[in-house]
C-alpha cells in the first residue's frame, strides 16, 4: 500500500528541471553552469551594513514553533549611538523568517550601570549589553537534552576592548546579564555546540584555551538559567583568533569524494579551521603571526587531532565563514558537508608582511576535514581588475554599471531554509511531496526526491566587508549549483543540476555519483 501511494504521488508530480533563473552563462566559464548563490531582494527594513557581527538560528519571538535567523551587533560605519556618542560598534538585535525581511527588536532586560547600557531606554532598539563586535551568539539546549534550544547566549567581543561578559535571552526581546565568565576576556573567538555544551575556543589576545559551558536551570536568575563553565586543557594548535569552529558528523572511515551514503558508523566532532595564529615573540616556538589553513578536531574538547596536513588545499585564512550543512534533511543517508568560504590572508612569514586582509573569493567543502573539494571557479587578479568568481556573493556593481569581483570577510554563514516554487504551479507547497527531477538532455534520466517547497535547506551568507569597498548589509542564499558544481563545472559536464535539493541527474546511465564522476 505504501509503495502504491508513493508511486501514485510521483506519477502525479510535475517534472522539475533546472530553472533558467538558476543557470549561469558567462564567456569566462569553461562550460555553462548553475548559479551557486542569489542575492535576496530586501523587503521593508534591513540591518545596517556591518562586519564581525554574530548570528544564529533560534525560535521566532512571536511564534516559538518556527525558527528564525537572529543577528546581533557588529562593526559598522561611524554612526551616532543612542547616547549621542560617535562609534563603530553596534548594540542592536534583528531577526528574519526568510532572510529577505529583517525586523529590528525593541529590547528589554538588565540595564545595569557599569555592566551595560544602563542609560538606554527599555523598549528601545539599544540592547542592555554594550555595543560590540567580534562576539559570539549561539543557541543552546538545557540539561533536559530534548534537542530544542532554550536560550541564546551572547558572549565576549570587543566593546570596544575584549570582554568576558555573558548575556542570556529566551526570546530575543529580553537580555539578562549572566555575569562575567571565568575565561579571560577575548574577542574574535570561535564557538560551537558539541554534545550539549557550548565550546569557547581561542580569541584575541591570541589564545589556545578551550572552555566548555553548560546551560543550567536556575530559578533565582531573571533568565531562568545560568551558564556553568569548565576549563579544558589548552589545545595543541597555535594560539589564534578569527578562526572558524563547527560541530560536524562524519563517517568513521576515511571518506573521499566518492562517498555517497551516510552510514550508521558515524561520529560527531568539534572542528576548528584556520585563523590568525602565532605565539608571542618571547616564545621559543615563535615563527610570526599569520593566517593558517590547518584543521583540527576533538570529540571531547580534551584531545585534539590534526586532520588536514596538505597545506596546498585551501589557503591560510581568517575571519572566514564555515558551517556544517546537510543539503537534504529528508534523506538520512545524505552526508553533511563542512563548508569554508572567503576570509583573507594577512600576517608575517619570513620577509613577507601583509598588514591588511587579502581576501578570497572561494568556497570549499569536505565530508571529514581531510579531503577537500573546491566548488567555484575563479581567475584573474584584483590588481589588474579582472578578477572573476562563480561565487555570486563576490560580484558587485561599481560606477558606470561595471561588474567587479571581490573577496569578503567578517560575514556569517548559517544553515537555514528558503522557499521556492519548484514545480512551476504558482504555489509554495507546505506539505512534503515526492518530486521527479529529470535532465535537460534526456527526459528518461530522472531521480525522485522528497521536498517541501516551503522549507528547502539552504545556506545564508550575511553581511561582511568587501575588499577595497565598504561594509555591506546584503544577504545571499545558496542555489542548486552549490550541490552540483566542482571547480566551476556543473555535474562534471555529464548531467543537469536539478532544482531544490535534487543535486546532479546524470545524462547517461554510464555515470553515477553525486557529481556524475563515477563510471559504471
Protein backbone atom coordinates (compact mmCIF):
# COMPACT_ATOMS: atom_id res chain seq x y z
CA UNK A 1 0.00 0.00 0.00
CA UNK A 2 2.80 2.41 0.89
CA UNK A 3 4.61 1.69 -2.38
CA UNK A 4 1.42 2.16 -4.37
CA UNK A 5 0.73 5.51 -2.72
CA UNK A 6 4.30 6.60 -3.30
CA UNK A 7 4.22 5.66 -6.98
CA UNK A 8 0.93 7.48 -7.43
CA UNK A 9 2.35 10.62 -5.82
CA UNK A 10 5.41 10.52 -8.05
CA UNK A 11 3.36 9.99 -11.20
CA UNK A 12 1.21 13.00 -10.39
CA UNK A 13 4.14 15.30 -9.61
CA UNK A 14 5.22 17.89 -12.15
CA UNK A 15 8.64 17.22 -13.64
CA UNK A 16 11.19 19.55 -12.01
CA UNK A 17 14.02 20.54 -14.34
CA UNK A 18 16.71 23.13 -13.65
CA UNK A 19 15.15 26.60 -13.84
CA UNK A 20 16.51 29.12 -16.33
CA UNK A 21 16.77 31.54 -13.43
CA UNK A 22 19.32 29.20 -11.88
CA UNK A 23 21.52 28.95 -14.99
CA UNK A 24 24.79 30.83 -15.43
CA UNK A 25 26.19 31.51 -18.91
CA UNK A 26 29.38 33.55 -18.84
CA UNK A 27 32.03 33.68 -21.55
CA UNK A 28 34.77 33.32 -18.92
CA UNK A 29 33.46 29.93 -17.83
CA UNK A 30 34.85 26.77 -19.42
CA UNK A 31 31.25 25.44 -19.70
CA UNK A 32 27.79 26.66 -18.79
CA UNK A 33 26.97 26.29 -15.14
CA UNK A 34 24.31 26.62 -12.48
CA UNK A 35 24.27 29.52 -10.05
CA UNK A 36 25.70 28.92 -6.59
CA UNK A 37 24.20 31.95 -4.82
CA UNK A 38 21.45 34.52 -5.20
CA UNK A 39 21.28 37.98 -3.65
CA UNK A 40 17.99 38.13 -1.79
CA UNK A 41 15.92 41.23 -2.59
CA UNK A 42 15.14 43.01 0.65
CA UNK A 43 11.59 43.73 1.72
CA UNK A 44 10.95 46.58 4.12
CA UNK A 45 13.68 47.31 6.65
CA UNK A 46 17.03 45.60 6.96
CA UNK A 47 20.02 45.76 9.27
CA UNK A 48 22.67 48.42 8.68
CA UNK A 49 25.92 47.45 6.88
CA UNK A 50 28.37 45.68 9.21
CA UNK A 51 31.03 43.03 9.69
CA UNK A 52 32.13 40.91 12.67
CA UNK A 53 28.52 40.54 13.82
CA UNK A 54 27.15 37.30 15.29
CA UNK A 55 24.21 35.23 14.07
CA UNK A 56 22.42 32.00 14.96
CA UNK A 57 19.20 30.10 14.22
CA UNK A 58 16.67 30.16 17.07
CA UNK A 59 12.92 30.18 17.62
CA UNK A 60 10.98 33.20 16.38
CA UNK A 61 9.89 35.71 19.04
CA UNK A 62 6.13 35.61 18.36
CA UNK A 63 5.92 32.04 17.05
CA UNK A 64 8.20 29.74 19.07
CA UNK A 65 7.27 26.74 16.92
CA UNK A 66 9.07 28.35 13.95
CA UNK A 67 12.74 29.18 13.60
CA UNK A 68 14.28 32.50 12.58
CA UNK A 69 17.69 33.89 11.71
CA UNK A 70 18.99 36.15 14.50
CA UNK A 71 21.64 38.84 14.13
CA UNK A 72 23.37 40.88 16.86
CA UNK A 73 25.92 43.70 16.99
CA UNK A 74 28.90 44.12 14.69
CA UNK A 75 31.22 46.83 13.37
CA UNK A 76 29.68 49.42 11.04
CA UNK A 77 30.39 52.81 9.56
CA UNK A 78 30.88 55.54 12.14
CA UNK A 79 27.46 56.49 13.49
CA UNK A 80 25.83 58.27 16.42
CA UNK A 81 24.69 55.86 19.13
CA UNK A 82 21.65 56.11 21.41
CA UNK A 83 23.65 58.26 23.87
CA UNK A 84 24.83 60.58 21.06
CA UNK A 85 28.40 59.28 21.03
CA UNK A 86 30.11 58.56 17.72
CA UNK A 87 31.14 54.90 17.46
CA UNK A 88 31.52 51.99 15.08
CA UNK A 89 30.27 49.24 17.40
CA UNK A 90 26.57 48.32 17.34
CA UNK A 91 24.20 47.13 20.10
CA UNK A 92 21.11 46.05 18.17
CA UNK A 93 19.17 42.80 17.58
CA UNK A 94 17.40 41.69 14.39
CA UNK A 95 15.53 38.57 13.30
CA UNK A 96 14.24 37.27 9.97
CA UNK A 97 11.95 34.42 8.91
CA UNK A 98 13.36 34.22 5.39
CA UNK A 99 16.48 36.40 5.03
CA UNK A 100 14.51 38.85 2.88
CA UNK A 101 12.79 40.90 5.55
CA UNK A 102 14.61 41.78 8.77
CA UNK A 103 12.83 43.02 11.88
CA UNK A 104 14.59 45.10 14.50
CA UNK A 105 13.70 44.23 18.07
CA UNK A 106 12.68 46.60 20.83
CA UNK A 107 14.78 45.41 23.76
CA UNK A 108 14.39 44.94 27.49
CA UNK A 109 16.26 43.19 30.28
CA UNK A 110 19.12 44.04 32.64
CA UNK A 111 20.05 47.70 32.15
CA UNK A 112 22.76 47.77 34.81
CA UNK A 113 25.19 50.62 35.43
CA UNK A 114 28.80 49.60 34.94
CA UNK A 115 27.78 46.40 33.15
CA UNK A 116 25.97 47.61 30.06
CA UNK A 117 23.84 50.37 28.58
CA UNK A 118 22.17 51.28 31.87
CA UNK A 119 21.00 54.65 30.47
CA UNK A 120 19.28 53.20 27.40
CA UNK A 121 15.50 53.33 27.38
CA UNK A 122 13.83 49.91 27.88
CA UNK A 123 11.83 49.02 24.79
CA UNK A 124 14.15 50.97 22.50
CA UNK A 125 16.44 49.47 19.89
CA UNK A 126 19.51 49.72 22.16
CA UNK A 127 20.41 46.45 23.89
CA UNK A 128 21.23 46.21 27.61
CA UNK A 129 24.71 44.97 26.63
CA UNK A 130 27.41 47.32 25.40
CA UNK A 131 27.82 47.74 21.64
CA UNK A 132 30.36 45.22 20.37
CA UNK A 133 31.84 43.24 17.52
CA UNK A 134 33.83 40.01 17.29
CA UNK A 135 31.48 38.40 19.83
CA UNK A 136 29.60 35.10 19.61
CA UNK A 137 25.93 34.17 19.54
CA UNK A 138 24.77 30.57 20.00
CA UNK A 139 21.54 28.69 20.70
CA UNK A 140 21.83 26.06 23.44
CA UNK A 141 19.64 23.35 24.93
CA UNK A 142 19.47 22.93 28.71
CA UNK A 143 20.20 19.75 30.64
CA UNK A 144 16.93 18.08 29.62
CA UNK A 145 18.63 17.16 26.34
CA UNK A 146 15.44 17.30 24.26
CA UNK A 147 17.32 18.82 21.33
CA UNK A 148 15.31 22.04 21.43
CA UNK A 149 17.36 25.17 22.07
CA UNK A 150 16.11 27.02 25.15
CA UNK A 151 18.37 30.08 25.25
CA UNK A 152 20.51 32.34 23.07
CA UNK A 153 23.92 33.09 24.59
CA UNK A 154 25.85 36.22 23.64
CA UNK A 155 29.45 36.18 24.88
CA UNK A 156 32.59 38.30 24.78
CA UNK A 157 33.68 40.52 21.91
CA UNK A 158 35.24 43.97 21.61
CA UNK A 159 33.15 46.56 23.45
CA UNK A 160 35.47 48.27 22.47
CA UNK A 161 38.13 46.16 24.25
CA UNK A 162 37.99 42.36 24.62
CA UNK A 163 35.39 41.30 27.19
CA UNK A 164 34.08 38.24 29.02
CA UNK A 165 30.53 39.24 29.88
CA UNK A 166 27.77 36.72 29.11
CA UNK A 167 24.14 37.55 28.29
CA UNK A 168 21.16 35.19 28.01
CA UNK A 169 17.82 35.52 26.25
CA UNK A 170 14.94 33.07 25.91
CA UNK A 171 13.02 35.14 23.34
CA UNK A 172 15.47 37.61 21.75
CA UNK A 173 13.50 40.51 23.25
CA UNK A 174 14.79 40.45 26.85
CA UNK A 175 18.50 40.04 27.59
CA UNK A 176 19.81 39.23 31.07
CA UNK A 177 23.34 39.58 32.42
CA UNK A 178 24.72 36.18 33.48
CA UNK A 179 27.89 37.59 34.99
CA UNK A 180 31.50 37.64 33.88
CA UNK A 181 32.72 34.27 32.68
CA UNK A 182 35.78 32.69 34.34
CA UNK A 183 37.53 32.57 30.97
CA UNK A 184 39.83 35.52 30.17
CA UNK A 185 38.48 38.47 28.20
CA UNK A 186 38.51 37.85 24.46
CA UNK A 187 37.13 38.77 21.04
CA UNK A 188 37.08 37.09 17.64
CA UNK A 189 36.93 33.74 19.43
CA UNK A 190 35.27 30.67 17.92
CA UNK A 191 32.25 28.81 19.29
CA UNK A 192 30.34 25.63 18.51
CA UNK A 193 27.89 23.36 20.34
CA UNK A 194 29.00 19.75 20.81
CA UNK A 195 27.18 17.16 22.92
CA UNK A 196 25.01 19.82 24.52
CA UNK A 197 27.94 22.02 25.58
CA UNK A 198 28.99 25.40 24.23
CA UNK A 199 32.71 25.44 23.48
CA UNK A 200 34.69 28.70 23.52
CA UNK A 201 37.94 28.42 21.54
CA UNK A 202 40.86 30.84 21.29
CA UNK A 203 40.35 34.52 20.52
CA UNK A 204 42.31 37.71 20.86
CA UNK A 205 44.60 38.28 22.72
CA UNK A 206 45.82 35.21 20.81
CA UNK A 207 44.94 32.13 22.81
CA UNK A 208 44.64 28.36 22.51
CA UNK A 209 42.47 27.98 25.60
CA UNK A 210 39.34 25.82 25.49
CA UNK A 211 36.29 26.24 27.72
CA UNK A 212 33.01 24.31 27.78
CA UNK A 213 29.75 25.78 29.09
CA UNK A 214 26.53 24.02 30.08
CA UNK A 215 23.14 25.68 30.39
CA UNK A 216 21.63 25.04 33.82
CA UNK A 217 18.15 25.94 35.06
CA UNK A 218 18.25 28.45 37.92
CA UNK A 219 15.03 29.98 39.22
CA UNK A 220 16.92 32.71 41.08
CA UNK A 221 18.15 34.22 37.80
CA UNK A 222 15.96 36.55 35.75
CA UNK A 223 16.53 34.47 32.64
CA UNK A 224 15.65 31.27 34.49
CA UNK A 225 19.04 29.85 33.51
CA UNK A 226 22.75 30.31 34.09
CA UNK A 227 25.91 29.08 32.39
CA UNK A 228 28.31 26.73 34.16
CA UNK A 229 31.83 26.83 32.71
CA UNK A 230 34.63 24.23 32.81
CA UNK A 231 38.18 24.85 31.64
CA UNK A 232 39.76 22.21 29.40
CA UNK A 233 43.49 21.87 28.94
CA UNK A 234 45.00 24.19 26.34
CA UNK A 235 44.78 22.85 22.81
CA UNK A 236 47.91 21.85 20.83
CA UNK A 237 47.03 24.15 17.94
CA UNK A 238 48.79 27.51 17.65
CA UNK A 239 47.08 30.33 19.62
CA UNK A 240 44.66 32.05 17.25
CA UNK A 241 41.75 34.39 16.64
CA UNK A 242 39.37 34.81 13.72
CA UNK A 243 39.19 31.03 13.27
CA UNK A 244 36.03 29.10 12.47
CA UNK A 245 34.56 26.29 14.60
CA UNK A 246 31.80 23.81 13.80
CA UNK A 247 30.31 20.61 15.20
CA UNK A 248 30.15 18.09 12.37
CA UNK A 249 29.08 14.46 11.92
CA UNK A 250 31.07 12.23 9.61
CA UNK A 251 31.67 8.59 8.70
CA UNK A 252 34.40 6.98 10.79
CA UNK A 253 36.01 5.61 7.65
CA UNK A 254 38.39 7.75 5.62
CA UNK A 255 35.76 9.31 3.37
CA UNK A 256 36.57 10.63 -0.06
CA UNK A 257 34.74 12.33 -2.88
CA UNK A 258 33.13 9.01 -3.81
CA UNK A 259 31.29 8.65 -0.50
CA UNK A 260 27.59 8.51 -1.33
CA UNK A 261 25.84 7.38 1.83
CA UNK A 262 25.87 8.46 5.45
CA UNK A 263 26.25 5.20 7.39
CA UNK A 264 25.37 4.32 10.96
CA UNK A 265 29.07 4.14 11.79
CA UNK A 266 29.40 7.87 12.38
CA UNK A 267 30.98 10.23 14.87
CA UNK A 268 30.40 13.85 15.82
CA UNK A 269 33.38 16.06 16.48
CA UNK A 270 34.28 19.68 17.06
CA UNK A 271 36.45 21.14 14.29
CA UNK A 272 38.49 24.35 14.29
CA UNK A 273 39.58 25.63 10.88
CA UNK A 274 42.20 28.26 10.09
CA UNK A 275 42.55 31.57 11.88
CA UNK A 276 45.16 34.28 12.51
CA UNK A 277 47.68 32.44 14.63
CA UNK A 278 51.07 32.72 16.27
CA UNK A 279 52.97 32.56 19.54
CA UNK A 280 54.27 35.60 21.38
CA UNK A 281 57.68 36.88 20.29
CA UNK A 282 59.34 35.69 23.50
CA UNK A 283 58.08 32.14 22.97
CA UNK A 284 60.65 29.68 21.55
CA UNK A 285 58.02 28.49 19.06
CA UNK A 286 57.51 31.98 17.63
CA UNK A 287 57.55 32.00 13.82
CA UNK A 288 55.49 35.08 13.03
CA UNK A 289 51.79 35.72 13.23
CA UNK A 290 49.87 34.83 10.07
CA UNK A 291 46.69 33.18 8.88
CA UNK A 292 46.70 29.37 8.85
CA UNK A 293 44.96 26.60 6.94
CA UNK A 294 45.21 23.78 9.44
CA UNK A 295 42.18 21.76 10.56
CA UNK A 296 41.92 20.12 13.99
CA UNK A 297 39.19 18.01 15.57
CA UNK A 298 38.21 16.75 19.01
CA UNK A 299 35.38 14.56 20.24
CA UNK A 300 35.55 15.75 23.85
CA UNK A 301 37.38 19.10 23.94
CA UNK A 302 40.38 17.49 25.65
CA UNK A 303 42.25 15.55 22.99
CA UNK A 304 42.85 17.11 19.58
CA UNK A 305 43.95 15.60 16.28
CA UNK A 306 45.29 17.50 13.29
CA UNK A 307 43.33 16.16 10.32
CA UNK A 308 44.34 18.31 7.36
CA UNK A 309 48.07 18.03 6.67
CA UNK A 310 48.06 19.02 2.99
CA UNK A 311 48.82 22.74 3.16
CA UNK A 312 48.24 23.25 -0.57
CA UNK A 313 44.46 22.68 -0.47
CA UNK A 314 42.82 25.92 0.63
CA UNK A 315 44.99 28.88 1.55
CA UNK A 316 45.53 30.13 5.09
CA UNK A 317 42.75 32.47 6.15
CA UNK A 318 40.99 34.22 8.99
CA UNK A 319 37.63 35.93 9.52
CA UNK A 320 36.13 33.47 7.06
CA UNK A 321 32.81 31.65 7.19
CA UNK A 322 32.19 27.98 7.85
CA UNK A 323 29.32 25.68 8.66
CA UNK A 324 28.22 22.05 8.70
CA UNK A 325 25.24 21.55 6.41
CA UNK A 326 23.11 18.68 5.18
CA UNK A 327 21.59 19.63 1.81
CA UNK A 328 18.66 17.22 2.14
CA UNK A 329 17.20 16.82 5.64
CA UNK A 330 14.59 14.39 4.31
CA UNK A 331 17.23 11.83 3.33
CA UNK A 332 19.15 10.48 6.35
CA UNK A 333 21.73 8.87 4.05
CA UNK A 334 22.80 12.27 2.68
CA UNK A 335 26.10 13.02 4.45
CA UNK A 336 26.53 16.53 5.84
CA UNK A 337 29.36 18.61 4.41
CA UNK A 338 31.52 21.18 6.13
CA UNK A 339 31.95 24.37 4.12
CA UNK A 340 34.69 27.02 4.22
CA UNK A 341 34.10 30.33 2.45
CA UNK A 342 36.00 33.57 1.87
CA UNK A 343 38.01 35.32 4.57
CA UNK A 344 41.51 36.55 3.86
CA UNK A 345 45.24 36.29 4.35
CA UNK A 346 47.41 38.55 6.50
CA UNK A 347 50.47 38.27 8.66
CA UNK A 348 54.23 37.78 8.64
CA UNK A 349 56.13 34.88 7.18
CA UNK A 350 59.85 35.33 6.57
CA UNK A 351 60.37 38.66 4.77
CA UNK A 352 56.75 38.88 3.59
CA UNK A 353 54.44 41.05 5.62
CA UNK A 354 50.77 41.69 4.81
CA UNK A 355 49.14 44.20 7.15
CA UNK A 356 45.57 44.12 5.78
CA UNK A 357 43.47 41.20 4.65
CA UNK A 358 43.95 39.96 1.11
CA UNK A 359 40.57 38.34 0.65
CA UNK A 360 39.43 35.16 -1.08
CA UNK A 361 36.52 34.52 -3.43
CA UNK A 362 36.31 30.76 -2.95
CA UNK A 363 34.12 28.05 -1.41
CA UNK A 364 35.34 24.59 -0.33
CA UNK A 365 33.63 21.55 1.16
CA UNK A 366 34.64 18.32 2.85
CA UNK A 367 32.95 15.28 4.38
CA UNK A 368 35.57 14.84 7.07
CA UNK A 369 38.02 17.78 7.09
CA UNK A 370 40.72 15.72 5.35
CA UNK A 371 39.76 15.69 1.67
CA UNK A 372 38.50 19.00 0.27
CA UNK A 373 36.77 19.94 -2.98
CA UNK A 374 36.52 23.43 -4.44
CA UNK A 375 33.05 24.48 -5.52
CA UNK A 376 33.64 27.59 -7.56
CA UNK A 377 35.78 28.67 -10.47
CA UNK A 378 37.85 31.84 -10.22
CA UNK A 379 40.60 33.53 -12.15
CA UNK A 380 42.36 36.85 -12.59
CA UNK A 381 43.60 39.41 -10.11
CA UNK A 382 42.21 42.33 -8.16
CA UNK A 383 45.31 44.32 -9.10
CA UNK A 384 44.51 44.27 -12.81
CA UNK A 385 40.78 44.48 -12.07
CA UNK A 386 39.98 41.30 -13.99
CA UNK A 387 39.18 39.06 -11.03
CA UNK A 388 36.27 36.67 -11.64
CA UNK A 389 34.48 34.10 -9.49
CA UNK A 390 31.40 31.94 -9.87
CA UNK A 391 30.50 32.73 -6.26
CA UNK A 392 27.79 35.33 -6.80
CA UNK A 393 28.41 36.86 -3.37
CA UNK A 394 31.70 38.24 -4.75
CA UNK A 395 30.01 40.26 -7.51
CA UNK A 396 29.47 43.97 -7.00
CA UNK A 397 28.48 46.77 -9.37
CA UNK A 398 30.63 49.90 -9.48
CA UNK A 399 30.24 53.27 -11.15
CA UNK A 400 29.10 53.01 -14.73
CA UNK A 401 27.32 49.70 -14.11
CA UNK A 402 30.51 47.69 -14.45
CA UNK A 403 30.71 44.41 -12.52
CA UNK A 404 33.79 43.55 -10.49
CA UNK A 405 34.52 40.64 -8.17
CA UNK A 406 35.98 40.99 -4.70
CA UNK A 407 36.52 38.74 -1.71
CA UNK A 408 34.67 39.25 1.54
CA UNK A 409 35.43 38.76 5.24
CA UNK A 410 33.69 39.24 8.57
CA UNK A 411 30.39 37.80 7.31
CA UNK A 412 28.40 35.00 8.93
CA UNK A 413 27.08 31.75 7.42
CA UNK A 414 24.01 29.88 8.68
CA UNK A 415 22.25 26.74 7.53
CA UNK A 416 18.56 27.62 7.33
CA UNK A 417 15.61 27.13 4.94
CA UNK A 418 14.30 29.02 1.94
CA UNK A 419 11.17 28.65 -0.20
CA UNK A 420 10.76 28.25 -3.95
CA UNK A 421 8.08 27.15 -6.40
CA UNK A 422 9.94 24.11 -7.72
CA UNK A 423 7.27 22.56 -9.91
CA UNK A 424 6.07 25.80 -11.52
CA UNK A 425 2.45 25.57 -10.37
CA UNK A 426 2.50 29.12 -8.97
CA UNK A 427 2.21 27.97 -5.36
CA UNK A 428 4.56 27.21 -2.47
CA UNK A 429 3.65 23.83 -1.03
CA UNK A 430 3.58 23.48 2.75
CA UNK A 431 3.48 19.68 2.56
CA UNK A 432 6.28 17.26 1.74
CA UNK A 433 5.92 15.96 -1.82
CA UNK A 434 7.74 13.40 -3.93
CA UNK A 435 9.02 15.26 -6.98
CA UNK A 436 10.68 13.91 -10.08
CA UNK A 437 13.69 15.80 -11.49
CA UNK A 438 14.98 14.94 -14.96
CA UNK A 439 17.92 16.02 -17.08
CA UNK A 440 17.58 18.60 -19.82
CA UNK A 441 19.37 16.28 -22.26
CA UNK A 442 17.46 13.06 -21.61
CA UNK A 443 13.99 13.09 -20.04
CA UNK A 444 14.32 9.38 -19.23
CA UNK A 445 17.19 10.06 -16.80
CA UNK A 446 15.45 11.17 -13.61
CA UNK A 447 15.55 10.95 -9.84
CA UNK A 448 12.83 11.43 -7.26
CA UNK A 449 13.32 13.50 -4.13
CA UNK A 450 11.14 14.31 -1.15
CA UNK A 451 10.84 18.10 -0.84
CA UNK A 452 8.77 20.71 0.93
CA UNK A 453 8.75 23.89 -1.15
CA UNK A 454 8.19 25.99 1.96
CA UNK A 455 11.34 24.64 3.66
CA UNK A 456 14.19 23.95 1.27
CA UNK A 457 17.54 23.59 3.07
CA UNK A 458 19.92 26.39 2.09
CA UNK A 459 22.96 28.34 3.26
CA UNK A 460 22.67 32.03 4.09
CA UNK A 461 25.66 34.38 3.86
CA UNK A 462 25.00 37.57 5.82
CA UNK A 463 26.74 40.97 5.74
CA UNK A 464 30.53 41.39 5.86
CA UNK A 465 33.29 43.62 4.50
CA UNK A 466 34.17 43.65 0.79
CA UNK A 467 37.86 44.11 -0.01
CA UNK A 468 38.51 47.66 -1.21
CA UNK A 469 34.93 48.69 -0.55
CA UNK A 470 32.67 49.30 2.43
CA UNK A 471 30.76 47.06 4.79
CA UNK A 472 27.54 45.62 3.38
CA UNK A 473 24.06 44.64 4.60
CA UNK A 474 23.21 42.08 1.94
CA UNK A 475 22.02 38.50 2.39
CA UNK A 476 22.81 35.76 -0.12
CA UNK A 477 21.10 32.37 -0.26
CA UNK A 478 22.63 29.27 -1.82
CA UNK A 479 21.22 27.95 -5.09
CA UNK A 480 21.22 24.40 -6.52
CA UNK A 481 24.66 24.87 -8.04
CA UNK A 482 26.32 24.61 -4.63
CA UNK A 483 25.30 20.92 -4.62
CA UNK A 484 26.36 20.31 -8.24
CA UNK A 485 29.46 22.36 -9.04
CA UNK A 486 33.11 21.42 -8.70
CA UNK A 487 35.71 24.00 -9.78
CA UNK A 488 33.02 25.78 -11.76
CA UNK A 489 31.88 22.75 -13.75
CA UNK A 490 28.33 21.50 -13.17
CA UNK A 491 27.89 17.74 -12.71
CA UNK A 492 31.27 17.08 -14.40
CA UNK A 493 29.58 18.30 -17.61
CA UNK A 494 27.76 14.96 -17.67
CA UNK A 495 24.48 15.93 -16.05
CA UNK A 496 21.87 18.53 -15.16
CA UNK A 497 21.65 20.24 -11.80
CA UNK A 498 18.11 19.68 -10.53
CA UNK A 499 16.14 22.31 -8.66
CA UNK A 500 15.95 22.39 -4.88
CA UNK A 501 17.84 19.54 -3.25
CA UNK A 502 17.81 17.21 -6.28
CA UNK A 503 21.52 17.59 -7.00
CA UNK A 504 23.03 16.15 -10.18
CA UNK A 505 20.98 13.98 -12.54
CA UNK A 506 23.41 12.25 -14.88
CA UNK A 507 22.67 12.41 -18.62
CA UNK A 508 23.67 8.80 -19.11
CA UNK A 509 23.40 5.61 -17.08
CA UNK A 510 27.12 5.16 -17.80
CA UNK A 511 27.94 7.55 -14.96
CA UNK A 512 26.73 7.86 -11.40
CA UNK A 513 27.59 9.60 -8.13
CA UNK A 514 26.82 12.97 -6.61
CA UNK A 515 28.71 14.74 -9.41
CA UNK A 516 28.37 12.14 -12.22
CA UNK A 517 32.05 11.37 -11.79
CA UNK A 518 31.93 7.62 -11.29
CA UNK A 519 31.71 5.32 -14.34
CA UNK A 520 29.50 2.25 -14.07
